[in-house]
């Protein structure tokens, strides 16, 4: 009897174990099925997302045009007079190659900045630009907080009248943290000195937004080169006439490594508008030295 009881007990334990194992197996199968289902669904969703992205892709329509040339630039498609602006950032320029580009008529070279900075490539650039036939002008980057006489002296050491084909250009891009009134006073004082030294008003270079914020009504008598890198010609808030437009800072020219600023004349304007007047200067050459004397030199 005792043996029978032990045997029945063992049978019951075995049945219970098999039942538990079956339940765990069923749970694991179901749980694994759910995990697999979620992964598969997630994977399918990812595929749909990619399909939607591909479906929404629209190629640049210009690429479908068999005549489209991605290297075609503004000067290749219009009859305006074009030019470039250069500084030491372009490194050593192959001027012989640049001079062969008949679509580039002029170049403005950075000469100086503030009271003591001289562009490292200026002497080389102005010599070779002349040698290979470009009309050349020089520009100064204006620093409002630097004494204006110091800036003029710095500019005059580099921008020698006898080497200029184009009137001087003043690059105005910053207020130096000054109030508009202080900035305006500093700028006008400098422009007056430049005009006394070179006997002609300089060209003012600035960005459209900077002009609209800080220069409206301040420089009405000066010719403007406005920088704005869009497909549309710039329009100033006060409707001022614009002589020149710098339309890109990422232009390409054979002979110059990397990007270069390109500009062109607007409307009826041309090189005659910015030609350096040597006759006028010779008639008043004494005052050029008077300016230097005012600086105590």
Protein backbone atom coordinates (compact mmCIF):
# COMPACT_ATOMS: atom_id res chain seq x y z
CA UNK A 1 0.00 0.00 0.00
CA UNK A 2 2.77 2.32 0.91
CA UNK A 3 4.52 1.62 -2.38
CA UNK A 4 1.32 2.35 -4.30
CA UNK A 5 0.99 5.70 -2.53
CA UNK A 6 4.58 6.64 -3.41
CA UNK A 7 4.01 5.65 -7.04
CA UNK A 8 0.85 7.77 -7.30
CA UNK A 9 2.67 10.73 -5.76
CA UNK A 10 5.47 10.49 -8.35
CA UNK A 11 2.92 10.28 -11.18
CA UNK A 12 1.15 13.42 -9.96
CA UNK A 13 4.44 15.34 -9.70
CA UNK A 14 5.39 14.37 -13.25
CA UNK A 15 2.00 15.44 -14.60
CA UNK A 16 2.26 18.79 -12.83
CA UNK A 17 5.76 19.40 -14.16
CA UNK A 18 4.68 18.59 -17.71
CA UNK A 19 1.72 20.96 -17.39
CA UNK A 20 3.96 23.78 -16.15
CA UNK A 21 6.46 23.17 -18.89
CA UNK A 22 3.66 23.24 -21.47
CA UNK A 23 2.34 26.52 -20.11
CA UNK A 24 5.78 28.12 -20.11
CA UNK A 25 6.40 26.89 -23.66
CA UNK A 26 3.08 28.34 -24.77
CA UNK A 27 3.89 31.65 -23.09
CA UNK A 28 7.35 31.76 -24.65
CA UNK A 29 5.93 30.98 -28.06
CA UNK A 30 3.32 33.68 -27.74
CA UNK A 31 5.77 36.19 -26.30
CA UNK A 32 8.29 35.42 -29.04
CA UNK A 33 5.54 35.77 -31.63
CA UNK A 34 4.58 39.18 -30.28
CA UNK A 35 8.19 40.37 -30.29
CA UNK A 36 8.68 39.15 -33.83
CA UNK A 37 5.46 40.81 -34.91
CA UNK A 38 6.55 44.14 -33.45
CA UNK A 39 9.96 43.96 -35.10
CA UNK A 40 8.45 43.01 -38.43
CA UNK A 41 5.92 45.80 -38.20
CA UNK A 42 8.63 48.30 -37.30
CA UNK A 43 10.72 47.07 -40.20
CA UNK A 44 7.78 47.40 -42.57
CA UNK A 45 7.13 50.94 -41.33
CA UNK A 46 10.73 51.88 -42.01
CA UNK A 47 10.37 50.62 -45.57
CA UNK A 48 7.22 52.67 -46.06
CA UNK A 49 9.01 55.76 -44.75
CA UNK A 50 11.82 55.26 -47.21
CA UNK A 51 9.31 54.73 -50.03
CA UNK A 52 7.55 57.97 -49.12
CA UNK A 53 10.89 59.82 -49.09
CA UNK A 54 11.74 58.47 -52.52
CA UNK A 55 8.25 59.32 -53.78
CA UNK A 56 8.56 62.91 -52.52
CA UNK A 57 12.00 63.46 -54.09
CA UNK A 58 11.93 65.95 -56.92
CA UNK A 59 15.13 66.43 -58.94
CA UNK A 60 16.32 69.94 -59.80
CA UNK A 61 14.45 70.63 -63.07
CA UNK A 62 17.61 72.21 -64.50
CA UNK A 63 19.28 68.80 -64.40
CA UNK A 64 16.65 67.53 -66.85
CA UNK A 65 17.62 70.21 -69.35
CA UNK A 66 20.20 68.76 -71.78
CA UNK A 67 21.58 72.29 -72.34
CA UNK A 68 22.07 73.03 -68.61
CA UNK A 69 25.66 73.91 -67.71
CA UNK A 70 26.30 74.00 -63.93
CA UNK A 71 29.48 76.00 -64.52
CA UNK A 72 27.68 78.78 -66.37
CA UNK A 73 27.93 82.04 -64.42
CA UNK A 74 26.37 85.49 -64.53
CA UNK A 75 28.99 86.99 -66.81
CA UNK A 76 28.36 84.24 -69.35
CA UNK A 77 24.70 85.13 -69.73
CA UNK A 78 24.54 88.94 -69.82
CA UNK A 79 26.21 91.96 -71.37
CA UNK A 80 27.02 93.88 -68.16
CA UNK A 81 30.57 94.91 -67.29
CA UNK A 82 31.92 92.51 -64.65
CA UNK A 83 34.81 92.57 -62.21
CA UNK A 84 36.24 90.97 -59.08
CA UNK A 85 37.37 91.95 -55.58
CA UNK A 86 40.51 90.37 -54.16
CA UNK A 87 42.54 90.27 -50.97
CA UNK A 88 45.15 88.02 -49.38
CA UNK A 89 42.41 85.42 -48.76
CA UNK A 90 42.73 84.28 -52.38
CA UNK A 91 46.46 83.64 -51.95
CA UNK A 92 48.71 83.94 -54.98
CA UNK A 93 46.68 84.66 -58.09
CA UNK A 94 47.72 83.54 -61.58
CA UNK A 95 47.24 86.96 -63.14
CA UNK A 96 48.33 85.92 -66.60
CA UNK A 97 45.38 83.50 -66.70
CA UNK A 98 42.97 85.98 -65.12
CA UNK A 99 44.04 88.62 -67.65
CA UNK A 100 43.01 86.31 -70.48
CA UNK A 101 39.43 86.30 -69.17
CA UNK A 102 37.89 88.98 -71.38
CA UNK A 103 34.71 89.04 -69.30
CA UNK A 104 36.50 90.47 -66.26
CA UNK A 105 37.17 94.15 -66.93
CA UNK A 106 38.27 95.44 -63.53
CA UNK A 107 39.51 94.41 -60.11
CA UNK A 108 39.35 96.08 -56.69
CA UNK A 109 42.24 95.06 -54.47
CA UNK A 110 42.28 95.26 -50.70
CA UNK A 111 45.08 97.62 -49.71
CA UNK A 112 44.59 98.31 -46.01
CA UNK A 113 42.38 97.90 -42.96
CA UNK A 114 42.05 100.16 -39.96
CA UNK A 115 45.11 102.03 -38.79
CA UNK A 116 47.91 99.51 -39.30
CA UNK A 117 46.89 96.49 -41.37
CA UNK A 118 48.30 96.17 -44.88
CA UNK A 119 47.15 93.38 -47.17
CA UNK A 120 50.04 90.98 -47.69
CA UNK A 121 49.25 90.41 -51.38
CA UNK A 122 48.52 94.01 -52.35
CA UNK A 123 51.89 94.97 -53.87
CA UNK A 124 52.09 91.79 -55.92
CA UNK A 125 48.44 91.95 -56.98
CA UNK A 126 48.44 95.55 -58.18
CA UNK A 127 51.66 95.11 -60.13
CA UNK A 128 50.53 91.96 -61.95
CA UNK A 129 46.92 93.07 -62.44
CA UNK A 130 48.23 96.12 -64.32
CA UNK A 131 50.73 94.03 -66.24
CA UNK A 132 48.00 91.74 -67.57
CA UNK A 133 45.58 94.45 -68.59
CA UNK A 134 42.93 94.87 -65.90
CA UNK A 135 41.60 98.21 -64.68
CA UNK A 136 42.61 98.43 -61.03
CA UNK A 137 41.24 100.16 -57.95
CA UNK A 138 42.14 99.85 -54.27
CA UNK A 139 39.99 99.63 -51.17
CA UNK A 140 40.27 100.23 -47.45
CA UNK A 141 38.32 98.37 -44.76
CA UNK A 142 36.97 101.06 -42.45
CA UNK A 143 37.20 100.63 -38.66
CA UNK A 144 34.97 103.27 -37.00
CA UNK A 145 36.79 103.27 -33.65
CA UNK A 146 40.26 103.78 -35.14
CA UNK A 147 41.34 107.46 -35.48
CA UNK A 148 40.43 108.57 -38.99
CA UNK A 149 43.76 110.33 -39.64
CA UNK A 150 45.62 107.15 -38.75
CA UNK A 151 43.45 105.18 -41.17
CA UNK A 152 43.97 107.69 -43.95
CA UNK A 153 47.72 107.62 -43.49
CA UNK A 154 47.70 103.82 -43.62
CA UNK A 155 45.64 103.86 -46.82
CA UNK A 156 47.79 106.51 -48.49
CA UNK A 157 50.97 104.49 -47.97
CA UNK A 158 49.53 101.79 -50.25
CA UNK A 159 46.93 103.42 -52.49
CA UNK A 160 49.23 105.64 -54.57
CA UNK A 161 47.30 107.79 -57.07
CA UNK A 162 49.64 107.05 -59.97
CA UNK A 163 48.78 103.34 -59.77
CA UNK A 164 45.00 103.75 -59.75
CA UNK A 165 42.64 103.33 -62.69
CA UNK A 166 39.54 103.44 -60.50
CA UNK A 167 38.48 105.72 -57.66
CA UNK A 168 39.27 104.48 -54.12
CA UNK A 169 36.67 102.27 -52.50
CA UNK A 170 35.84 102.29 -48.79
CA UNK A 171 34.50 99.03 -47.34
CA UNK A 172 31.91 99.85 -44.66
CA UNK A 173 30.54 96.79 -42.88
CA UNK A 174 30.62 97.49 -39.14
CA UNK A 175 29.65 100.19 -36.66
CA UNK A 176 32.31 99.01 -34.23
CA UNK A 177 29.70 98.96 -31.49
CA UNK A 178 29.17 102.72 -31.76
CA UNK A 179 25.83 104.47 -31.73
CA UNK A 180 24.56 105.45 -35.16
CA UNK A 181 25.43 109.09 -34.47
CA UNK A 182 29.01 108.32 -33.41
CA UNK A 183 29.45 105.92 -36.31
CA UNK A 184 28.12 108.49 -38.79
CA UNK A 185 30.46 111.20 -37.47
CA UNK A 186 33.49 108.90 -37.74
CA UNK A 187 32.58 107.74 -41.26
CA UNK A 188 31.96 111.26 -42.57
CA UNK A 189 35.22 112.51 -41.11
CA UNK A 190 37.11 109.71 -42.87
CA UNK A 191 35.32 110.15 -46.20
CA UNK A 192 36.08 113.89 -46.14
CA UNK A 193 39.78 113.17 -45.61
CA UNK A 194 39.85 110.61 -48.43
CA UNK A 195 38.24 113.12 -50.77
CA UNK A 196 40.76 115.81 -49.79
CA UNK A 197 43.65 113.42 -50.37
CA UNK A 198 42.53 112.02 -53.73
CA UNK A 199 40.39 114.96 -54.96
CA UNK A 200 37.44 112.77 -55.80
CA UNK A 201 34.76 111.05 -53.81
CA UNK A 202 35.39 107.40 -53.04
CA UNK A 203 33.06 104.55 -53.91
CA UNK A 204 31.26 103.09 -50.88
CA UNK A 205 30.98 99.31 -50.56
CA UNK A 206 28.48 97.86 -48.10
CA UNK A 207 25.83 95.18 -47.70
CA UNK A 208 22.21 95.99 -48.46
CA UNK A 209 20.99 95.22 -44.94
CA UNK A 210 23.79 97.26 -43.37
CA UNK A 211 22.92 100.21 -45.58
CA UNK A 212 19.24 99.97 -44.71
CA UNK A 213 20.00 99.92 -40.97
CA UNK A 214 22.82 102.42 -40.64
CA UNK A 215 23.47 104.45 -43.79
CA UNK A 216 20.12 105.68 -45.08
CA UNK A 217 20.36 109.43 -45.63
CA UNK A 218 24.02 109.52 -44.58
CA UNK A 219 25.93 109.07 -47.84
CA UNK A 220 23.56 110.33 -50.53
CA UNK A 221 26.34 111.95 -52.59
CA UNK A 222 28.46 108.82 -52.88
CA UNK A 223 28.39 106.07 -55.48
CA UNK A 224 27.53 102.67 -54.07
CA UNK A 225 28.61 99.07 -54.57
CA UNK A 226 25.99 96.96 -52.80
CA UNK A 227 26.63 93.35 -51.81
CA UNK A 228 23.61 91.05 -51.91
CA UNK A 229 23.95 87.41 -52.86
CA UNK A 230 20.62 86.62 -54.52
CA UNK A 231 19.36 86.17 -58.05
CA UNK A 232 17.47 89.47 -57.92
CA UNK A 233 19.12 92.86 -58.22
CA UNK A 234 19.28 94.75 -54.91
CA UNK A 235 16.84 97.51 -54.05
CA UNK A 236 17.56 99.86 -51.14
CA UNK A 237 14.93 100.94 -48.66
CA UNK A 238 15.23 104.58 -49.76
CA UNK A 239 15.32 103.75 -53.47
CA UNK A 240 18.86 105.05 -53.92
CA UNK A 241 20.61 104.54 -57.24
CA UNK A 242 23.15 101.70 -57.10
CA UNK A 243 26.23 101.91 -59.31
CA UNK A 244 27.55 98.38 -58.80
CA UNK A 245 26.27 95.09 -57.43
CA UNK A 246 28.44 92.42 -55.82
CA UNK A 247 26.23 89.46 -56.64
CA UNK A 248 28.26 86.54 -55.28
CA UNK A 249 31.05 85.69 -52.87
CA UNK A 250 31.45 82.22 -54.36
CA UNK A 251 32.42 83.03 -57.92
CA UNK A 252 34.90 80.92 -59.84
CA UNK A 253 37.60 82.10 -62.21
CA UNK A 254 40.39 80.14 -63.83
CA UNK A 255 43.61 81.40 -62.27
CA UNK A 256 42.20 81.92 -58.76
CA UNK A 257 42.04 79.14 -56.19
CA UNK A 258 38.77 78.85 -54.34
CA UNK A 259 35.98 81.40 -54.30
CA UNK A 260 36.14 85.04 -55.36
CA UNK A 261 33.78 88.01 -55.03
CA UNK A 262 32.22 89.05 -58.34
CA UNK A 263 30.40 92.28 -59.15
CA UNK A 264 28.89 94.09 -62.11
CA UNK A 265 27.50 97.47 -63.05
CA UNK A 266 23.78 98.11 -62.85
CA UNK A 267 21.55 100.06 -65.20
CA UNK A 268 23.31 102.62 -67.36
CA UNK A 269 26.47 102.66 -65.23
CA UNK A 270 29.90 101.62 -66.49
CA UNK A 271 33.62 102.03 -65.94
CA UNK A 272 33.42 105.73 -66.76
CA UNK A 273 31.50 106.25 -63.49
CA UNK A 274 34.38 105.06 -61.31
CA UNK A 275 37.35 106.15 -63.40
CA UNK A 276 40.15 107.76 -61.40
CA UNK A 277 40.43 111.39 -62.50
CA UNK A 278 44.20 111.99 -62.69
CA UNK A 279 43.81 115.39 -64.38
CA UNK A 280 41.73 116.72 -61.51
CA UNK A 281 44.27 115.48 -59.01
CA UNK A 282 47.22 117.05 -60.83
CA UNK A 283 45.44 120.38 -60.82
CA UNK A 284 45.24 120.19 -57.01
CA UNK A 285 48.31 118.14 -56.17
CA UNK A 286 49.45 120.51 -53.43
CA UNK A 287 46.55 119.67 -51.16
CA UNK A 288 47.53 115.99 -51.24
CA UNK A 289 50.66 116.91 -49.34
CA UNK A 290 48.71 119.32 -47.17
CA UNK A 291 46.75 116.35 -45.84
CA UNK A 292 49.98 114.61 -44.88
CA UNK A 293 51.16 117.77 -43.14
CA UNK A 294 47.94 117.83 -41.15
CA UNK A 295 48.93 114.41 -39.88
CA UNK A 296 52.23 115.85 -38.67
CA UNK A 297 54.34 114.15 -41.35
